[in-house]
Amino acid sequence: MTKSNMINIIIGGISGVLFGIGMIISGMVDPNKVIGFLDIFGHWDPSLAFVMGGALLVFTPFYHLVIKKRKTAINGDELPATSNNTIDGPLISGAIIFGAGWGLAGFCPGPVITNVGGGSYIILTFVSTMLLGMLLANKYLARRNTQCISLNTN
């Protein structure tokens, strides 16, 4: 194992643990709390807005003062420049499906992974179907991209 790989694993592990702790402390792993936040016409629970606002207050200055200026990651890998700013049908439909799915279930992928250790069959079902959806989407996109490439070569 190279030094770069070891640094990636350590930083990823620390980030994951901090993220999980934040999700637990904020209550974002509780689907009832998430659904309460999304229920703006019923018994709305605004507490998650304070969680998100607090996260933005911490992250925004750090992003603009440190992250945005960097050309390399902490492990020394080059940070690729993003050039795709296109808002298209697949992006919008994917966002709608993603938002509807986690909104109805009360789970977002990050907090649900934090909850996997609890052994709840509901959470395990959600994670299983999420992984299945990711697999099917990747197969669909691979097939679609292959068809687009073959159409462009004719």
C-alpha atoms as a PDB file:
ATOM      1  CA  MET A   1       0.000   0.000   0.000  1.00  0.00           C
ATOM      2  CA  THR A   2       1.363   3.368  -1.012  1.00  0.00           C
ATOM      3  CA  LYS A   3       1.590   6.375   1.257  1.00  0.00           C
ATOM      4  CA  SER A   4      -1.045   8.169  -0.855  1.00  0.00           C
ATOM      5  CA  ASN A   5      -3.478   5.249  -0.493  1.00  0.00           C
ATOM      6  CA  MET A   6      -2.920   5.153   3.264  1.00  0.00           C
ATOM      7  CA  ILE A   7      -3.547   8.898   3.539  1.00  0.00           C
ATOM      8  CA  ASN A   8      -6.750   8.503   1.483  1.00  0.00           C
ATOM      9  CA  ILE A   9      -8.005   5.756   3.791  1.00  0.00           C
ATOM     10  CA  ILE A  10      -7.157   7.678   6.970  1.00  0.00           C
ATOM     11  CA  ILE A  11      -8.716  10.953   5.764  1.00  0.00           C
ATOM     12  CA  GLY A  12     -11.763   9.109   4.439  1.00  0.00           C
ATOM     13  CA  GLY A  13     -12.181   7.290   7.740  1.00  0.00           C
ATOM     14  CA  ILE A  14     -11.838  10.438   9.833  1.00  0.00           C
ATOM     15  CA  SER A  15     -14.257  12.304   7.548  1.00  0.00           C
ATOM     16  CA  GLY A  16     -16.771   9.461   7.705  1.00  0.00           C
ATOM     17  CA  VAL A  17     -16.637   9.228  11.493  1.00  0.00           C
ATOM     18  CA  LEU A  18     -17.015  13.004  11.907  1.00  0.00           C
ATOM     19  CA  PHE A  19     -19.889  13.042   9.413  1.00  0.00           C
ATOM     20  CA  GLY A  20     -21.617  10.153  11.202  1.00  0.00           C
ATOM     21  CA  ILE A  21     -21.221  11.792  14.603  1.00  0.00           C
ATOM     22  CA  GLY A  22     -22.642  15.035  13.208  1.00  0.00           C
ATOM     23  CA  MET A  23     -25.617  13.190  11.728  1.00  0.00           C
ATOM     24  CA  ILE A  24     -26.350  11.448  15.022  1.00  0.00           C
ATOM     25  CA  ILE A  25     -25.985  14.579  17.167  1.00  0.00           C
ATOM     26  CA  SER A  26     -28.144  16.669  14.792  1.00  0.00           C
ATOM     27  CA  GLY A  27     -30.912  14.078  14.659  1.00  0.00           C
ATOM     28  CA  MET A  28     -30.678  13.656  10.877  1.00  0.00           C
ATOM     29  CA  VAL A  29     -30.574   9.873  11.301  1.00  0.00           C
ATOM     30  CA  ASP A  30     -34.135   9.951  12.680  1.00  0.00           C
ATOM     31  CA  PRO A  31     -36.571   9.628   9.749  1.00  0.00           C
ATOM     32  CA  ASN A  32     -39.391  11.161  11.821  1.00  0.00           C
ATOM     33  CA  LYS A  33     -37.322  14.306  12.337  1.00  0.00           C
ATOM     34  CA  VAL A  34     -36.504  14.512   8.607  1.00  0.00           C
ATOM     35  CA  ILE A  35     -40.132  13.987   7.589  1.00  0.00           C
ATOM     36  CA  GLY A  36     -41.161  16.582  10.202  1.00  0.00           C
ATOM     37  CA  PHE A  37     -38.766  19.048   8.576  1.00  0.00           C
ATOM     38  CA  LEU A  38     -40.208  18.321   5.134  1.00  0.00           C
ATOM     39  CA  ASP A  39     -43.824  18.595   6.346  1.00  0.00           C
ATOM     40  CA  ILE A  40     -44.084  22.356   5.893  1.00  0.00           C
ATOM     41  CA  PHE A  41     -47.895  22.310   5.717  1.00  0.00           C
ATOM     42  CA  GLY A  42     -48.351  20.089   8.783  1.00  0.00           C
ATOM     43  CA  HIS A  43     -46.375  19.882  12.026  1.00  0.00           C
ATOM     44  CA  TRP A  44     -43.211  21.468  10.660  1.00  0.00           C
ATOM     45  CA  ASP A  45     -40.017  20.937  12.667  1.00  0.00           C
ATOM     46  CA  PRO A  46     -37.546  23.684  11.655  1.00  0.00           C
ATOM     47  CA  SER A  47     -34.646  22.335  13.747  1.00  0.00           C
ATOM     48  CA  LEU A  48     -32.857  20.759  10.774  1.00  0.00           C
ATOM     49  CA  ALA A  49     -32.746  24.188   9.110  1.00  0.00           C
ATOM     50  CA  PHE A  50     -30.522  25.282  12.004  1.00  0.00           C
ATOM     51  CA  VAL A  51     -28.336  22.203  11.457  1.00  0.00           C
ATOM     52  CA  MET A  52     -27.945  23.014   7.765  1.00  0.00           C
ATOM     53  CA  GLY A  53     -27.414  26.716   8.470  1.00  0.00           C
ATOM     54  CA  GLY A  54     -24.759  25.917  11.076  1.00  0.00           C
ATOM     55  CA  ALA A  55     -22.986  23.615   8.641  1.00  0.00           C
ATOM     56  CA  LEU A  56     -22.998  26.332   5.985  1.00  0.00           C
ATOM     57  CA  LEU A  57     -21.670  28.917   8.454  1.00  0.00           C
ATOM     58  CA  VAL A  58     -18.695  26.658   9.159  1.00  0.00           C
ATOM     59  CA  PHE A  59     -18.106  25.354   5.632  1.00  0.00           C
ATOM     60  CA  THR A  60     -18.601  28.474   3.481  1.00  0.00           C
ATOM     61  CA  PRO A  61     -15.671  30.547   4.787  1.00  0.00           C
ATOM     62  CA  PHE A  62     -13.440  27.442   4.888  1.00  0.00           C
ATOM     63  CA  TYR A  63     -14.354  26.656   1.275  1.00  0.00           C
ATOM     64  CA  HIS A  64     -13.615  30.163  -0.008  1.00  0.00           C
ATOM     65  CA  LEU A  65     -10.457  30.712   2.061  1.00  0.00           C
ATOM     66  CA  VAL A  66      -8.881  27.250   1.797  1.00  0.00           C
ATOM     67  CA  ILE A  67     -10.516  24.648  -0.455  1.00  0.00           C
ATOM     68  CA  LYS A  68     -11.298  26.748  -3.537  1.00  0.00           C
ATOM     69  CA  LYS A  69      -7.704  28.011  -3.780  1.00  0.00           C
ATOM     70  CA  ARG A  70      -6.125  24.554  -3.631  1.00  0.00           C
ATOM     71  CA  LYS A  71      -4.768  22.892  -6.742  1.00  0.00           C
ATOM     72  CA  THR A  72      -4.069  19.577  -4.980  1.00  0.00           C
ATOM     73  CA  ALA A  73      -5.912  17.448  -2.440  1.00  0.00           C
ATOM     74  CA  ILE A  74      -4.519  16.805   1.034  1.00  0.00           C
ATOM     75  CA  ASN A  75      -2.905  13.592  -0.216  1.00  0.00           C
ATOM     76  CA  GLY A  76      -1.194  15.433  -3.098  1.00  0.00           C
ATOM     77  CA  ASP A  77      -3.513  14.279  -5.910  1.00  0.00           C
ATOM     78  CA  GLU A  78      -4.417  16.932  -8.453  1.00  0.00           C
ATOM     79  CA  LEU A  79      -7.938  18.327  -8.104  1.00  0.00           C
ATOM     80  CA  PRO A  80      -9.657  18.125 -11.478  1.00  0.00           C
ATOM     81  CA  ALA A  81     -11.398  21.237 -12.771  1.00  0.00           C
ATOM     82  CA  THR A  82     -15.118  20.769 -13.312  1.00  0.00           C
ATOM     83  CA  SER A  83     -16.247  22.008 -16.684  1.00  0.00           C
ATOM     84  CA  ASN A  84     -19.739  20.504 -16.892  1.00  0.00           C
ATOM     85  CA  ASN A  85     -22.292  23.140 -15.918  1.00  0.00           C
ATOM     86  CA  THR A  86     -25.118  21.726 -18.043  1.00  0.00           C
ATOM     87  CA  ILE A  87     -28.551  21.400 -16.488  1.00  0.00           C
ATOM     88  CA  ASP A  88     -30.281  18.757 -18.590  1.00  0.00           C
ATOM     89  CA  GLY A  89     -33.131  16.248 -18.422  1.00  0.00           C
ATOM     90  CA  PRO A  90     -31.158  13.420 -16.783  1.00  0.00           C
ATOM     91  CA  LEU A  91     -29.898  15.773 -14.054  1.00  0.00           C
ATOM     92  CA  ILE A  92     -33.379  17.134 -13.314  1.00  0.00           C
ATOM     93  CA  SER A  93     -35.114  13.737 -13.420  1.00  0.00           C
ATOM     94  CA  GLY A  94     -32.393  12.201 -11.230  1.00  0.00           C
ATOM     95  CA  ALA A  95     -32.736  15.020  -8.701  1.00  0.00           C
ATOM     96  CA  ILE A  96     -36.522  14.578  -8.607  1.00  0.00           C
ATOM     97  CA  ILE A  97     -36.268  10.804  -8.120  1.00  0.00           C
ATOM     98  CA  PHE A  98     -33.556  11.204  -5.463  1.00  0.00           C
ATOM     99  CA  GLY A  99     -35.477  13.916  -3.590  1.00  0.00           C
ATOM    100  CA  ALA A 100     -38.798  12.080  -3.736  1.00  0.00           C
ATOM    101  CA  GLY A 101     -37.192   8.838  -2.599  1.00  0.00           C
ATOM    102  CA  TRP A 102     -35.458  10.201   0.447  1.00  0.00           C
ATOM    103  CA  GLY A 103     -38.288  12.600   1.224  1.00  0.00           C
ATOM    104  CA  LEU A 104     -40.871   9.811   1.314  1.00  0.00           C
ATOM    105  CA  ALA A 105     -38.633   7.506   3.327  1.00  0.00           C
ATOM    106  CA  GLY A 106     -37.189  10.199   5.591  1.00  0.00           C
ATOM    107  CA  PHE A 107     -33.678   9.006   4.793  1.00  0.00           C
ATOM    108  CA  CYS A 108     -30.860  10.591   2.853  1.00  0.00           C
ATOM    109  CA  PRO A 109     -27.993   8.264   1.816  1.00  0.00           C
ATOM    110  CA  GLY A 110     -25.426   9.748   4.215  1.00  0.00           C
ATOM    111  CA  PRO A 111     -27.484   9.483   7.398  1.00  0.00           C
ATOM    112  CA  VAL A 112     -28.882   6.088   6.401  1.00  0.00           C
ATOM    113  CA  ILE A 113     -25.352   4.663   6.110  1.00  0.00           C
ATOM    114  CA  THR A 114     -24.712   6.035   9.602  1.00  0.00           C
ATOM    115  CA  ASN A 115     -27.794   4.102  10.763  1.00  0.00           C
ATOM    116  CA  VAL A 116     -26.834   0.731   9.173  1.00  0.00           C
ATOM    117  CA  GLY A 117     -25.155  -0.457  12.365  1.00  0.00           C
ATOM    118  CA  GLY A 118     -28.492  -0.337  14.192  1.00  0.00           C
ATOM    119  CA  GLY A 119     -29.715  -3.420  12.309  1.00  0.00           C
ATOM    120  CA  SER A 120     -33.180  -2.062  11.505  1.00  0.00           C
ATOM    121  CA  TYR A 121     -34.798  -4.038   8.687  1.00  0.00           C
ATOM    122  CA  ILE A 122     -36.256  -0.796   7.301  1.00  0.00           C
ATOM    123  CA  ILE A 123     -32.819   0.764   7.029  1.00  0.00           C
ATOM    124  CA  LEU A 124     -31.307  -2.413   5.582  1.00  0.00           C
ATOM    125  CA  THR A 125     -34.137  -2.541   3.027  1.00  0.00           C
ATOM    126  CA  PHE A 126     -33.556   1.110   2.122  1.00  0.00           C
ATOM    127  CA  VAL A 127     -29.809   0.551   1.678  1.00  0.00           C
ATOM    128  CA  SER A 128     -30.406  -2.610  -0.383  1.00  0.00           C
ATOM    129  CA  THR A 129     -32.844  -0.874  -2.716  1.00  0.00           C
ATOM    130  CA  MET A 130     -30.566   2.164  -2.929  1.00  0.00           C
ATOM    131  CA  LEU A 131     -27.659  -0.050  -3.994  1.00  0.00           C
ATOM    132  CA  LEU A 132     -29.897  -1.878  -6.468  1.00  0.00           C
ATOM    133  CA  GLY A 133     -31.005   1.459  -7.930  1.00  0.00           C
ATOM    134  CA  MET A 134     -27.383   2.567  -8.265  1.00  0.00           C
ATOM    135  CA  LEU A 135     -26.487  -0.692 -10.029  1.00  0.00           C
ATOM    136  CA  LEU A 136     -29.433  -0.418 -12.429  1.00  0.00           C
ATOM    137  CA  ALA A 137     -28.679   3.247 -13.145  1.00  0.00           C
ATOM    138  CA  ASN A 138     -25.041   2.447 -13.915  1.00  0.00           C
ATOM    139  CA  LYS A 139     -26.074  -0.375 -16.275  1.00  0.00           C
ATOM    140  CA  TYR A 140     -28.600   1.883 -17.995  1.00  0.00           C
ATOM    141  CA  LEU A 141     -26.110   4.732 -18.388  1.00  0.00           C
ATOM    142  CA  ALA A 142     -23.375   2.399 -19.654  1.00  0.00           C
ATOM    143  CA  ARG A 143     -25.775   0.978 -22.276  1.00  0.00           C
ATOM    144  CA  ARG A 144     -26.997   4.459 -23.191  1.00  0.00           C
ATOM    145  CA  ASN A 145     -23.447   5.813 -23.559  1.00  0.00           C
ATOM    146  CA  THR A 146     -22.447   2.833 -25.720  1.00  0.00           C
ATOM    147  CA  GLN A 147     -25.443   3.445 -27.981  1.00  0.00           C
ATOM    148  CA  CYS A 148     -24.624   7.155 -28.245  1.00  0.00           C
ATOM    149  CA  ILE A 149     -21.013   6.378 -29.150  1.00  0.00           C
ATOM    150  CA  SER A 150     -22.067   3.850 -31.823  1.00  0.00           C
ATOM    151  CA  LEU A 151     -24.591   6.332 -33.269  1.00  0.00           C
ATOM    152  CA  ASN A 152     -21.940   9.045 -33.476  1.00  0.00           C
ATOM    153  CA  THR A 153     -19.480   6.818 -35.364  1.00  0.00           C
ATOM    154  CA  ASN A 154     -21.933   6.044 -38.190  1.00  0.00           C
END
